Amino acid sequence: MPSLPPPPIEKPGRIKVYHSLASYESTNPREISIEEGDIIYVKEEPNDAEYYTAKCGTKTGKIPKNFVNSDENMSSVEFPLHEAAKRGNLPFLKECLQNQVSVNSLDKSGSTALYWACHAGHVDIVKELLSTPNVTITSQNKMGDTPLHAASWKGHLNVIQILIESGANVHARNKDGKTAADMAGNPEIGALLKLTMRNVADPGSIDDYNSSEEEDAD
């Protein structure tokens, strides 16, 4: 009798981040207790499940859905990775990534956290995101801008150099037909990008256009 194929690997549920507004005391060994003010990472479960799987600090366990879904108990942290990238909050960004918040999730503008890190010029954040497996480096937002467009427009030369070394598509055009070189914040950046464009072949298309793991936010 032929052996059965292995069962498919279950894709983990999306991780949502909450700020606890109230404490919860566990009622059985599989639950976790949380304190007011804690940051909670919650894995989405099927609608008929009574519990979420959650992580708080070093603790992992179950927490009732009705507690998490109450606005009196929990405040949802919208786009936590993006906020960490914008503010240059490296410890929080690392914590989000360690708790499986998607590195390629999109905010309402269709931008990734990498886009905002490049926009703000936070070199340490950019390096951390680029070191994360499966990160998309040339994902375009709703305006067609890539992280390279953002860094060029804002004049962050050191970020641009990192992106080029990491393989960013210097030929990518936004919805206005502009490349990052066209949006250069100063002549030095424009010259660097134009030189790179001459030395690097145009791939002709961007394979990872809006290829993030998450769909555009509503």
N, C-alpha and C. Protein backbone atom coordinates (compact mmCIF):
# COMPACT_ATOMS: atom_id res chain seq x y z
N MET A 1 0.85 -1.21 0.00
CA MET A 1 0.00 0.00 0.00
C MET A 1 0.88 1.25 0.00
N PRO A 2 0.70 2.15 -0.97
CA PRO A 2 1.56 3.34 -1.01
C PRO A 2 1.35 4.22 0.20
N SER A 3 2.43 4.83 0.63
CA SER A 3 2.35 5.71 1.80
C SER A 3 1.61 6.99 1.45
N LEU A 4 0.89 7.51 2.38
CA LEU A 4 0.14 8.75 2.17
C LEU A 4 1.09 9.94 2.18
N PRO A 5 0.80 10.96 1.41
CA PRO A 5 1.65 12.17 1.43
C PRO A 5 1.53 12.85 2.78
N PRO A 6 2.57 13.55 3.18
CA PRO A 6 2.50 14.25 4.47
C PRO A 6 1.42 15.30 4.45
N PRO A 7 0.79 15.59 5.58
CA PRO A 7 -0.25 16.62 5.62
C PRO A 7 0.35 17.98 5.29
N PRO A 8 -0.43 18.84 4.67
CA PRO A 8 0.09 20.17 4.34
C PRO A 8 0.44 20.95 5.60
N ILE A 9 1.48 21.76 5.48
CA ILE A 9 1.89 22.58 6.62
C ILE A 9 0.90 23.72 6.79
N GLU A 10 0.36 23.85 7.96
CA GLU A 10 -0.63 24.90 8.21
C GLU A 10 0.03 26.27 8.23
N LYS A 11 -0.50 27.17 7.44
CA LYS A 11 0.00 28.54 7.43
C LYS A 11 -0.47 29.25 8.69
N PRO A 12 0.46 29.86 9.42
CA PRO A 12 0.05 30.50 10.67
C PRO A 12 -0.94 31.62 10.44
N GLY A 13 -1.86 31.81 11.40
CA GLY A 13 -2.82 32.89 11.28
C GLY A 13 -2.13 34.23 11.39
N ARG A 14 -2.81 35.25 10.89
CA ARG A 14 -2.24 36.59 10.96
C ARG A 14 -2.09 37.01 12.42
N ILE A 15 -1.01 37.69 12.70
CA ILE A 15 -0.76 38.15 14.07
C ILE A 15 -1.25 39.58 14.21
N LYS A 16 -2.09 39.81 15.21
CA LYS A 16 -2.57 41.15 15.52
C LYS A 16 -1.98 41.57 16.86
N VAL A 17 -1.77 42.85 17.00
CA VAL A 17 -1.12 43.39 18.20
C VAL A 17 -2.11 44.25 18.97
N TYR A 18 -2.12 44.05 20.28
CA TYR A 18 -3.05 44.78 21.14
C TYR A 18 -2.30 45.39 22.32
N HIS A 19 -2.84 46.49 22.80
CA HIS A 19 -2.38 47.10 24.05
C HIS A 19 -3.45 46.83 25.09
N SER A 20 -3.06 46.15 26.16
CA SER A 20 -4.04 45.74 27.17
C SER A 20 -4.47 46.92 28.03
N LEU A 21 -5.78 47.11 28.12
CA LEU A 21 -6.35 48.18 28.95
C LEU A 21 -6.82 47.65 30.29
N ALA A 22 -6.78 46.34 30.47
CA ALA A 22 -7.23 45.72 31.72
C ALA A 22 -6.41 44.45 31.97
N SER A 23 -6.43 44.00 33.19
CA SER A 23 -5.72 42.77 33.55
C SER A 23 -6.62 41.57 33.36
N TYR A 24 -5.99 40.41 33.13
CA TYR A 24 -6.74 39.15 33.03
C TYR A 24 -5.99 38.08 33.80
N GLU A 25 -6.69 37.43 34.71
CA GLU A 25 -6.11 36.35 35.52
C GLU A 25 -6.52 35.01 34.92
N SER A 26 -5.53 34.18 34.59
CA SER A 26 -5.82 32.89 33.98
C SER A 26 -6.68 32.03 34.91
N THR A 27 -7.57 31.24 34.29
CA THR A 27 -8.46 30.38 35.07
C THR A 27 -8.11 28.90 34.94
N ASN A 28 -7.15 28.58 34.08
CA ASN A 28 -6.68 27.20 33.93
C ASN A 28 -5.26 27.21 33.38
N PRO A 29 -4.55 26.08 33.44
CA PRO A 29 -3.12 26.06 33.08
C PRO A 29 -2.81 26.45 31.64
N ARG A 30 -3.75 26.29 30.73
CA ARG A 30 -3.43 26.61 29.33
C ARG A 30 -3.58 28.10 29.02
N GLU A 31 -4.18 28.86 29.92
CA GLU A 31 -4.34 30.29 29.70
C GLU A 31 -3.12 31.05 30.21
N ILE A 32 -3.01 32.30 29.77
CA ILE A 32 -1.97 33.19 30.31
C ILE A 32 -2.63 34.36 31.02
N SER A 33 -1.95 34.89 32.00
CA SER A 33 -2.41 36.09 32.69
C SER A 33 -1.73 37.30 32.07
N ILE A 34 -2.43 38.39 32.00
CA ILE A 34 -1.84 39.63 31.49
C ILE A 34 -2.14 40.77 32.45
N GLU A 35 -1.32 41.81 32.35
CA GLU A 35 -1.48 42.98 33.19
C GLU A 35 -1.87 44.18 32.33
N GLU A 36 -2.53 45.13 32.94
CA GLU A 36 -2.86 46.36 32.24
C GLU A 36 -1.58 47.01 31.74
N GLY A 37 -1.58 47.40 30.48
CA GLY A 37 -0.40 48.02 29.89
C GLY A 37 0.46 47.08 29.08
N ASP A 38 0.21 45.78 29.16
CA ASP A 38 0.99 44.80 28.41
C ASP A 38 0.71 44.91 26.91
N ILE A 39 1.71 44.54 26.12
CA ILE A 39 1.54 44.39 24.67
C ILE A 39 1.29 42.91 24.40
N ILE A 40 0.20 42.60 23.69
CA ILE A 40 -0.21 41.23 23.44
C ILE A 40 -0.18 40.95 21.94
N TYR A 41 0.44 39.83 21.59
CA TYR A 41 0.47 39.38 20.19
C TYR A 41 -0.49 38.22 20.06
N VAL A 42 -1.51 38.39 19.24
CA VAL A 42 -2.61 37.44 19.16
C VAL A 42 -2.68 36.82 17.77
N LYS A 43 -2.74 35.50 17.73
CA LYS A 43 -2.88 34.78 16.46
C LYS A 43 -4.35 34.59 16.16
N GLU A 44 -4.77 34.99 14.95
CA GLU A 44 -6.16 34.83 14.56
C GLU A 44 -6.53 33.35 14.50
N GLU A 45 -7.72 33.03 14.95
CA GLU A 45 -8.22 31.66 14.98
C GLU A 45 -9.54 31.59 14.21
N PRO A 46 -9.99 30.37 13.87
CA PRO A 46 -11.31 30.24 13.21
C PRO A 46 -12.40 30.92 14.02
N ASN A 47 -13.43 31.39 13.33
CA ASN A 47 -14.49 32.16 13.98
C ASN A 47 -15.19 31.41 15.09
N ASP A 48 -15.23 30.05 14.97
CA ASP A 48 -15.95 29.29 15.98
C ASP A 48 -15.10 28.96 17.19
N ALA A 49 -13.84 29.36 17.19
CA ALA A 49 -12.97 29.09 18.34
C ALA A 49 -13.32 30.04 19.49
N GLU A 50 -13.18 29.54 20.71
CA GLU A 50 -13.49 30.36 21.88
C GLU A 50 -12.28 31.11 22.41
N TYR A 51 -11.09 30.67 22.00
CA TYR A 51 -9.86 31.26 22.50
C TYR A 51 -8.95 31.70 21.36
N TYR A 52 -8.14 32.68 21.65
CA TYR A 52 -7.02 33.04 20.79
C TYR A 52 -5.75 32.45 21.40
N THR A 53 -4.77 32.16 20.55
CA THR A 53 -3.43 31.87 21.04
C THR A 53 -2.70 33.20 21.13
N ALA A 54 -2.13 33.50 22.28
CA ALA A 54 -1.53 34.81 22.49
C ALA A 54 -0.15 34.69 23.13
N LYS A 55 0.65 35.72 22.90
CA LYS A 55 1.96 35.80 23.54
C LYS A 55 2.09 37.15 24.21
N CYS A 56 2.60 37.12 25.43
CA CYS A 56 2.83 38.34 26.20
C CYS A 56 4.19 38.20 26.86
N GLY A 57 5.16 38.96 26.40
CA GLY A 57 6.51 38.80 26.93
C GLY A 57 7.04 37.42 26.57
N THR A 58 7.42 36.65 27.59
CA THR A 58 7.91 35.28 27.37
C THR A 58 6.81 34.24 27.54
N LYS A 59 5.59 34.69 27.84
CA LYS A 59 4.49 33.75 28.09
C LYS A 59 3.66 33.53 26.83
N THR A 60 3.32 32.27 26.58
CA THR A 60 2.45 31.92 25.46
C THR A 60 1.34 31.02 25.97
N GLY A 61 0.11 31.30 25.54
CA GLY A 61 -1.01 30.48 25.98
C GLY A 61 -2.31 30.99 25.37
N LYS A 62 -3.40 30.56 25.94
CA LYS A 62 -4.72 30.94 25.44
C LYS A 62 -5.29 32.12 26.21
N ILE A 63 -6.14 32.87 25.50
CA ILE A 63 -6.88 33.95 26.15
C ILE A 63 -8.25 34.03 25.50
N PRO A 64 -9.31 34.17 26.29
CA PRO A 64 -10.66 34.15 25.73
C PRO A 64 -10.89 35.23 24.67
N LYS A 65 -11.57 34.84 23.61
CA LYS A 65 -11.86 35.79 22.54
C LYS A 65 -12.69 36.97 23.04
N ASN A 66 -13.66 36.66 23.91
CA ASN A 66 -14.54 37.74 24.36
C ASN A 66 -13.79 38.79 25.17
N PHE A 67 -12.67 38.40 25.80
CA PHE A 67 -11.87 39.38 26.52
C PHE A 67 -11.09 40.24 25.53
N VAL A 68 -10.49 39.60 24.54
CA VAL A 68 -9.69 40.33 23.55
C VAL A 68 -10.56 41.26 22.72
N ASN A 69 -11.75 40.81 22.36
CA ASN A 69 -12.61 41.58 21.45
C ASN A 69 -13.36 42.71 22.13
N SER A 70 -13.22 42.85 23.42
CA SER A 70 -13.88 43.93 24.14
C SER A 70 -13.04 45.20 24.08
N ASP A 71 -13.63 46.30 23.62
CA ASP A 71 -12.92 47.57 23.54
C ASP A 71 -12.53 48.09 24.92
N GLU A 72 -13.19 47.59 25.94
CA GLU A 72 -12.85 48.01 27.30
C GLU A 72 -11.59 47.32 27.80
N ASN A 73 -11.28 46.17 27.20
CA ASN A 73 -10.13 45.39 27.66
C ASN A 73 -8.89 45.55 26.80
N MET A 74 -9.10 45.72 25.50
CA MET A 74 -7.98 45.74 24.57
C MET A 74 -8.11 46.87 23.56
N SER A 75 -6.99 47.47 23.23
CA SER A 75 -6.93 48.49 22.17
C SER A 75 -6.02 47.95 21.06
N SER A 76 -6.58 47.83 19.86
CA SER A 76 -5.80 47.30 18.75
C SER A 76 -4.71 48.28 18.33
N VAL A 77 -3.52 47.77 18.12
CA VAL A 77 -2.41 48.59 17.62
C VAL A 77 -2.37 48.42 16.11
N GLU A 78 -2.83 49.42 15.38
CA GLU A 78 -2.90 49.34 13.93
C GLU A 78 -1.51 49.50 13.31
N PHE A 79 -1.14 48.61 12.43
CA PHE A 79 0.11 48.67 11.69
C PHE A 79 1.32 48.88 12.61
N PRO A 80 1.52 48.00 13.57
CA PRO A 80 2.60 48.18 14.55
C PRO A 80 3.99 48.23 13.92
N LEU A 81 4.24 47.40 12.91
CA LEU A 81 5.55 47.38 12.27
C LEU A 81 5.82 48.70 11.55
N HIS A 82 4.78 49.24 10.93
CA HIS A 82 4.92 50.52 10.22
C HIS A 82 5.22 51.66 11.20
N GLU A 83 4.52 51.65 12.34
CA GLU A 83 4.74 52.70 13.33
C GLU A 83 6.16 52.62 13.89
N ALA A 84 6.63 51.41 14.15
CA ALA A 84 8.00 51.24 14.64
C ALA A 84 9.00 51.74 13.61
N ALA A 85 8.73 51.46 12.33
CA ALA A 85 9.63 51.90 11.25
C ALA A 85 9.63 53.41 11.12
N LYS A 86 8.47 54.04 11.22
CA LYS A 86 8.38 55.49 11.09
C LYS A 86 9.12 56.19 12.23
N ARG A 87 8.98 55.64 13.44
CA ARG A 87 9.51 56.30 14.63
C ARG A 87 10.95 55.89 14.95
N GLY A 88 11.47 54.89 14.22
CA GLY A 88 12.82 54.42 14.50
C GLY A 88 12.92 53.62 15.78
N ASN A 89 11.82 52.96 16.14
CA ASN A 89 11.78 52.18 17.38
C ASN A 89 12.26 50.75 17.09
N LEU A 90 13.57 50.56 17.12
CA LEU A 90 14.15 49.26 16.77
C LEU A 90 13.75 48.14 17.73
N PRO A 91 13.76 48.34 19.05
CA PRO A 91 13.35 47.25 19.95
C PRO A 91 11.93 46.75 19.68
N PHE A 92 10.98 47.68 19.46
CA PHE A 92 9.60 47.27 19.20
C PHE A 92 9.50 46.58 17.85
N LEU A 93 10.25 47.09 16.86
CA LEU A 93 10.24 46.47 15.54
C LEU A 93 10.74 45.02 15.63
N LYS A 94 11.84 44.82 16.35
CA LYS A 94 12.38 43.46 16.51
C LYS A 94 11.38 42.57 17.24
N GLU A 95 10.71 43.12 18.24
CA GLU A 95 9.72 42.34 18.99
C GLU A 95 8.57 41.91 18.08
N CYS A 96 8.12 42.83 17.24
CA CYS A 96 7.05 42.50 16.29
C CYS A 96 7.47 41.38 15.35
N LEU A 97 8.67 41.49 14.81
CA LEU A 97 9.16 40.48 13.88
C LEU A 97 9.34 39.12 14.56
N GLN A 98 9.84 39.15 15.79
CA GLN A 98 10.02 37.91 16.54
C GLN A 98 8.69 37.24 16.84
N ASN A 99 7.63 38.05 16.91
CA ASN A 99 6.30 37.51 17.16
C ASN A 99 5.50 37.30 15.89
N GLN A 100 6.21 37.26 14.76
CA GLN A 100 5.64 36.86 13.46
C GLN A 100 4.66 37.87 12.87
N VAL A 101 4.79 39.13 13.23
CA VAL A 101 4.06 40.16 12.50
C VAL A 101 4.66 40.21 11.10
N SER A 102 3.84 40.15 10.06
CA SER A 102 4.33 40.03 8.69
C SER A 102 5.20 41.22 8.28
N VAL A 103 6.41 40.93 7.82
CA VAL A 103 7.34 41.98 7.40
C VAL A 103 6.83 42.70 6.15
N ASN A 104 5.97 42.04 5.37
CA ASN A 104 5.48 42.63 4.13
C ASN A 104 4.04 43.13 4.21
N SER A 105 3.50 43.25 5.40
CA SER A 105 2.12 43.72 5.52
C SER A 105 2.03 45.16 5.01
N LEU A 106 0.84 45.49 4.52
CA LEU A 106 0.61 46.81 3.92
C LEU A 106 -0.30 47.66 4.79
N ASP A 107 -0.01 48.95 4.84
CA ASP A 107 -0.91 49.87 5.54
C ASP A 107 -1.93 50.42 4.55
N LYS A 108 -2.69 51.43 4.94
CA LYS A 108 -3.77 51.92 4.10
C LYS A 108 -3.27 52.57 2.81
N SER A 109 -2.01 52.98 2.79
CA SER A 109 -1.44 53.57 1.58
C SER A 109 -0.84 52.51 0.67
N GLY A 110 -0.90 51.25 1.12
CA GLY A 110 -0.30 50.17 0.34
C GLY A 110 1.20 50.08 0.53
N SER A 111 1.71 50.74 1.56
CA SER A 111 3.16 50.77 1.81
C SER A 111 3.57 49.72 2.84
N THR A 112 4.80 49.24 2.69
CA THR A 112 5.37 48.31 3.67
C THR A 112 6.11 49.10 4.75
N ALA A 113 6.49 48.39 5.80
CA ALA A 113 7.30 49.02 6.85
C ALA A 113 8.64 49.48 6.29
N LEU A 114 9.19 48.73 5.35
CA LEU A 114 10.47 49.11 4.73
C LEU A 114 10.34 50.47 4.03
N TYR A 115 9.22 50.70 3.36
CA TYR A 115 9.00 51.98 2.71
C TYR A 115 9.13 53.12 3.72
N TRP A 116 8.46 52.98 4.87
CA TRP A 116 8.46 54.06 5.85
C TRP A 116 9.81 54.21 6.54
N ALA A 117 10.52 53.11 6.71
CA ALA A 117 11.87 53.20 7.28
C ALA A 117 12.79 53.98 6.34
N CYS A 118 12.64 53.73 5.04
CA CYS A 118 13.45 54.44 4.04
C CYS A 118 13.02 55.90 3.94
N HIS A 119 11.74 56.15 4.05
CA HIS A 119 11.20 57.52 4.02
C HIS A 119 11.76 58.34 5.17
N ALA A 120 11.88 57.70 6.35
CA ALA A 120 12.36 58.40 7.54
C ALA A 120 13.87 58.41 7.64
N GLY A 121 14.54 57.53 6.89
CA GLY A 121 16.01 57.49 6.93
C GLY A 121 16.58 56.76 8.12
N HIS A 122 15.83 55.84 8.70
CA HIS A 122 16.31 55.08 9.86
C HIS A 122 17.15 53.89 9.38
N VAL A 123 18.46 54.07 9.33
CA VAL A 123 19.36 53.07 8.78
C VAL A 123 19.27 51.75 9.53
N ASP A 124 19.24 51.81 10.86
CA ASP A 124 19.20 50.57 11.64
C ASP A 124 17.91 49.79 11.37
N ILE A 125 16.80 50.48 11.20
CA ILE A 125 15.53 49.83 10.89
C ILE A 125 15.57 49.21 9.50
N VAL A 126 16.12 49.95 8.55
CA VAL A 126 16.23 49.44 7.17
C VAL A 126 17.05 48.16 7.15
N LYS A 127 18.18 48.16 7.83
CA LYS A 127 19.03 46.97 7.86
C LYS A 127 18.33 45.78 8.51
N GLU A 128 17.61 46.04 9.57
CA GLU A 128 16.89 44.97 10.26
C GLU A 128 15.81 44.37 9.36
N LEU A 129 15.07 45.21 8.68
CA LEU A 129 14.01 44.72 7.80
C LEU A 129 14.59 43.94 6.62
N LEU A 130 15.68 44.45 6.06
CA LEU A 130 16.29 43.77 4.91
C LEU A 130 16.91 42.43 5.29
N SER A 131 17.23 42.26 6.57
CA SER A 131 17.80 40.99 7.03
C SER A 131 16.72 39.95 7.34
N THR A 132 15.46 40.36 7.25
CA THR A 132 14.34 39.47 7.56
C THR A 132 14.02 38.61 6.34
N PRO A 133 13.89 37.30 6.51
CA PRO A 133 13.59 36.42 5.37
C PRO A 133 12.32 36.83 4.64
N ASN A 134 12.37 36.75 3.31
CA ASN A 134 11.22 36.98 2.43
C ASN A 134 10.77 38.43 2.35
N VAL A 135 11.56 39.36 2.86
CA VAL A 135 11.16 40.77 2.74
C VAL A 135 11.15 41.16 1.27
N THR A 136 10.17 41.94 0.86
CA THR A 136 10.12 42.44 -0.52
C THR A 136 10.73 43.83 -0.55
N ILE A 137 11.74 44.00 -1.39
CA ILE A 137 12.51 45.24 -1.38
C ILE A 137 11.97 46.28 -2.36
N THR A 138 11.24 45.85 -3.39
CA THR A 138 10.77 46.78 -4.41
C THR A 138 9.25 46.79 -4.51
N SER A 139 8.57 46.45 -3.43
CA SER A 139 7.11 46.51 -3.42
C SER A 139 6.66 47.95 -3.62
N GLN A 140 5.66 48.15 -4.48
CA GLN A 140 5.16 49.48 -4.77
C GLN A 140 3.84 49.74 -4.04
N ASN A 141 3.70 50.97 -3.54
CA ASN A 141 2.46 51.32 -2.85
C ASN A 141 1.41 51.79 -3.86
N LYS A 142 0.32 52.36 -3.37
CA LYS A 142 -0.78 52.74 -4.26
C LYS A 142 -0.39 53.85 -5.24
N MET A 143 0.65 54.61 -4.91
CA MET A 143 1.14 55.64 -5.83
C MET A 143 2.21 55.07 -6.77
N GLY A 144 2.57 53.80 -6.56
CA GLY A 144 3.61 53.18 -7.37
C GLY A 144 5.01 53.42 -6.85
N ASP A 145 5.11 54.09 -5.71
CA ASP A 145 6.43 54.39 -5.14
C ASP A 145 7.01 53.18 -4.42
N THR A 146 8.31 52.98 -4.56
CA THR A 146 9.04 51.92 -3.87
C THR A 146 9.80 52.52 -2.69
N PRO A 147 10.38 51.69 -1.83
CA PRO A 147 11.25 52.23 -0.78
C PRO A 147 12.38 53.11 -1.34
N LEU A 148 12.90 52.75 -2.51
CA LEU A 148 13.96 53.55 -3.13
C LEU A 148 13.45 54.93 -3.53
N HIS A 149 12.23 55.00 -4.06
CA HIS A 149 11.63 56.31 -4.36
C HIS A 149 11.58 57.17 -3.10
N ALA A 150 11.15 56.56 -1.99
CA ALA A 150 11.00 57.31 -0.74
C ALA A 150 12.34 57.85 -0.25
N ALA A 151 13.35 56.98 -0.25
CA ALA A 151 14.67 57.40 0.22
C ALA A 151 15.27 58.48 -0.67
N SER A 152 15.04 58.36 -1.98
CA SER A 152 15.56 59.35 -2.93
C SER A 152 14.89 60.70 -2.73
N TRP A 153 13.58 60.68 -2.65
CA TRP A 153 12.82 61.93 -2.48
C TRP A 153 13.20 62.66 -1.19
N LYS A 154 13.42 61.88 -0.12
CA LYS A 154 13.73 62.49 1.17
C LYS A 154 15.22 62.76 1.36
N GLY A 155 16.04 62.32 0.39
CA GLY A 155 17.47 62.67 0.43
C GLY A 155 18.32 61.83 1.36
N HIS A 156 17.97 60.57 1.57
CA HIS A 156 18.73 59.72 2.48
C HIS A 156 19.74 58.87 1.70
N LEU A 157 20.91 59.45 1.47
CA LEU A 157 21.93 58.81 0.64
C LEU A 157 22.37 57.47 1.20
N ASN A 158 22.59 57.40 2.52
CA ASN A 158 23.07 56.14 3.11
C ASN A 158 22.04 55.02 2.94
N VAL A 159 20.76 55.36 3.03
CA VAL A 159 19.72 54.35 2.83
C VAL A 159 19.70 53.90 1.37
N ILE A 160 19.85 54.84 0.47
CA ILE A 160 19.86 54.50 -0.96
C ILE A 160 21.00 53.54 -1.28
N GLN A 161 22.17 53.78 -0.71
CA GLN A 161 23.31 52.90 -0.94
C GLN A 161 23.02 51.48 -0.44
N ILE A 162 22.38 51.39 0.70
CA ILE A 162 22.02 50.07 1.25
C ILE A 162 21.03 49.36 0.33
N LEU A 163 20.03 50.09 -0.15
CA LEU A 163 19.03 49.50 -1.03
C LEU A 163 19.64 49.02 -2.34
N ILE A 164 20.53 49.82 -2.91
CA ILE A 164 21.18 49.43 -4.16
C ILE A 164 22.01 48.16 -3.95
N GLU A 165 22.77 48.12 -2.85
CA GLU A 165 23.59 46.95 -2.54
C GLU A 165 22.72 45.72 -2.31
N SER A 166 21.50 45.93 -1.86
CA SER A 166 20.58 44.82 -1.58
C SER A 166 19.77 44.39 -2.80
N GLY A 167 19.98 45.07 -3.92
CA GLY A 167 19.32 44.66 -5.16
C GLY A 167 18.05 45.38 -5.50
N ALA A 168 17.82 46.56 -4.96
CA ALA A 168 16.60 47.31 -5.30
C ALA A 168 16.58 47.64 -6.79
N ASN A 169 15.40 47.65 -7.37
CA ASN A 169 15.23 47.93 -8.79
C ASN A 169 15.28 49.43 -9.04
N VAL A 170 16.40 49.91 -9.54
CA VAL A 170 16.57 51.35 -9.76
C VAL A 170 15.79 51.84 -10.96
N HIS A 171 15.28 50.93 -11.78
CA HIS A 171 14.52 51.31 -12.97
C HIS A 171 13.01 51.40 -12.72
N ALA A 172 12.57 51.01 -11.52
CA ALA A 172 11.14 51.00 -11.23
C ALA A 172 10.54 52.40 -11.38
N ARG A 173 9.36 52.46 -11.99
CA ARG A 173 8.67 53.73 -12.19
C ARG A 173 7.36 53.73 -11.41
N ASN A 174 7.03 54.88 -10.84
CA ASN A 174 5.76 54.99 -10.12
C ASN A 174 4.64 55.30 -11.11
N LYS A 175 3.46 55.59 -10.61
CA LYS A 175 2.32 55.81 -11.49
C LYS A 175 2.41 57.11 -12.28
N ASP A 176 3.34 57.98 -11.90
CA ASP A 176 3.60 59.19 -12.68
C ASP A 176 4.71 58.96 -13.69
N GLY A 177 5.19 57.71 -13.77
CA GLY A 177 6.26 57.37 -14.71
C GLY A 177 7.64 57.79 -14.25
N LYS A 178 7.80 58.11 -12.98
CA LYS A 178 9.08 58.59 -12.47
C LYS A 178 9.88 57.48 -11.79
N THR A 179 11.18 57.49 -12.05
CA THR A 179 12.09 56.59 -11.34
C THR A 179 12.55 57.28 -10.06
N ALA A 180 13.26 56.56 -9.23
CA ALA A 180 13.81 57.16 -8.02
C ALA A 180 14.77 58.30 -8.37
N ALA A 181 15.51 58.14 -9.47
CA ALA A 181 16.43 59.19 -9.90
C ALA A 181 15.68 60.47 -10.24
N ASP A 182 14.50 60.33 -10.82
CA ASP A 182 13.70 61.51 -11.17
C ASP A 182 13.23 62.27 -9.94
N MET A 183 13.16 61.57 -8.81
CA MET A 183 12.65 62.18 -7.58
C MET A 183 13.77 62.55 -6.60
N ALA A 184 15.01 62.52 -7.07
CA ALA A 184 16.16 62.74 -6.19
C ALA A 184 16.07 64.06 -5.44
N GLY A 185 16.35 63.98 -4.14
CA GLY A 185 16.27 65.16 -3.30
C GLY A 185 17.45 66.11 -3.45
N ASN A 186 18.56 65.63 -4.04
CA ASN A 186 19.71 66.49 -4.27
C ASN A 186 20.53 65.92 -5.44
N PRO A 187 21.42 66.72 -6.03
CA PRO A 187 22.17 66.30 -7.21
C PRO A 187 23.04 65.06 -6.98
N GLU A 188 23.61 64.93 -5.79
CA GLU A 188 24.47 63.78 -5.50
C GLU A 188 23.69 62.47 -5.60
N ILE A 189 22.50 62.46 -5.04
CA ILE A 189 21.65 61.27 -5.11
C ILE A 189 21.22 60.99 -6.54
N GLY A 190 20.83 62.04 -7.26
CA GLY A 190 20.44 61.87 -8.64
C GLY A 190 21.56 61.28 -9.48
N ALA A 191 22.78 61.75 -9.27
CA ALA A 191 23.92 61.26 -10.03
C ALA A 191 24.19 59.79 -9.71
N LEU A 192 24.12 59.43 -8.44
CA LEU A 192 24.36 58.04 -8.03
C LEU A 192 23.33 57.10 -8.67
N LEU A 193 22.08 57.49 -8.62
CA LEU A 193 21.02 56.64 -9.16
C LEU A 193 21.10 56.53 -10.68
N LYS A 194 21.42 57.61 -11.35
CA LYS A 194 21.54 57.56 -12.81
C LYS A 194 22.73 56.70 -13.23
N LEU A 195 23.83 56.80 -12.48
CA LEU A 195 24.98 55.96 -12.77
C LEU A 195 24.64 54.49 -12.57
N THR A 196 23.93 54.20 -11.49
CA THR A 196 23.53 52.81 -11.22
C THR A 196 22.59 52.30 -12.31
N MET A 197 21.69 53.15 -12.78
CA MET A 197 20.77 52.75 -13.85
C MET A 197 21.54 52.38 -15.13
N ARG A 198 22.64 53.10 -15.38
CA ARG A 198 23.43 52.79 -16.58
C ARG A 198 24.18 51.47 -16.43
N ASN A 199 24.52 51.14 -15.19
CA ASN A 199 25.34 49.94 -14.94
C ASN A 199 24.52 48.69 -14.66
N VAL A 200 23.24 48.86 -14.38
CA VAL A 200 22.38 47.72 -14.04
C VAL A 200 21.28 47.59 -15.08
N ALA A 201 21.13 46.41 -15.63
CA ALA A 201 20.11 46.19 -16.67
C ALA A 201 18.71 46.38 -16.12
N ASP A 202 17.84 46.92 -16.95
CA ASP A 202 16.43 47.10 -16.59
C ASP A 202 15.72 45.75 -16.70
N PRO A 203 15.18 45.23 -15.59
CA PRO A 203 14.49 43.93 -15.65
C PRO A 203 13.21 43.97 -16.48
N GLY A 204 12.74 45.16 -16.81
CA GLY A 204 11.57 45.26 -17.68
C GLY A 204 10.26 45.29 -16.94
N SER A 205 10.22 44.69 -15.78
CA SER A 205 9.00 44.69 -14.97
C SER A 205 9.38 44.39 -13.55
N ILE A 206 8.48 44.71 -12.65
CA ILE A 206 8.73 44.47 -11.23
C ILE A 206 7.95 43.25 -10.81
N ASP A 207 8.68 42.19 -10.50
CA ASP A 207 8.00 40.93 -10.18
C ASP A 207 7.23 40.99 -8.88
N ASP A 208 7.70 41.84 -7.97
CA ASP A 208 7.04 41.84 -6.66
C ASP A 208 6.11 43.02 -6.48
N TYR A 209 5.56 43.55 -7.60
CA TYR A 209 4.60 44.66 -7.49
C TYR A 209 3.43 44.25 -6.60
N ASN A 210 3.31 44.96 -5.49
CA ASN A 210 2.25 44.65 -4.52
C ASN A 210 2.17 43.16 -4.21
N SER A 211 3.37 42.52 -4.06
CA SER A 211 3.40 41.07 -3.81
C SER A 211 3.56 40.76 -2.34
N SER A 212 3.13 41.68 -1.49
CA SER A 212 3.25 41.45 -0.06
C SER A 212 2.34 40.34 0.38
N GLU A 213 2.63 39.79 1.57
CA GLU A 213 1.87 38.66 2.08
C GLU A 213 0.46 39.08 2.48
N GLU A 214 0.30 40.37 2.74
CA GLU A 214 -1.01 40.83 3.19
C GLU A 214 -1.68 41.62 2.08
N GLU A 215 -2.98 41.62 2.01
CA GLU A 215 -3.71 42.43 1.07
C GLU A 215 -3.77 43.85 1.55
N ASP A 216 -4.08 44.77 0.64
CA ASP A 216 -4.22 46.17 1.04
C ASP A 216 -5.22 46.28 2.17
N ALA A 217 -4.89 47.17 3.13
CA ALA A 217 -5.83 47.39 4.21
C ALA A 217 -7.05 48.13 3.69
N ASP A 218 -8.16 47.89 4.33
CA ASP A 218 -9.40 48.58 3.93
C ASP A 218 -9.30 50.04 4.33
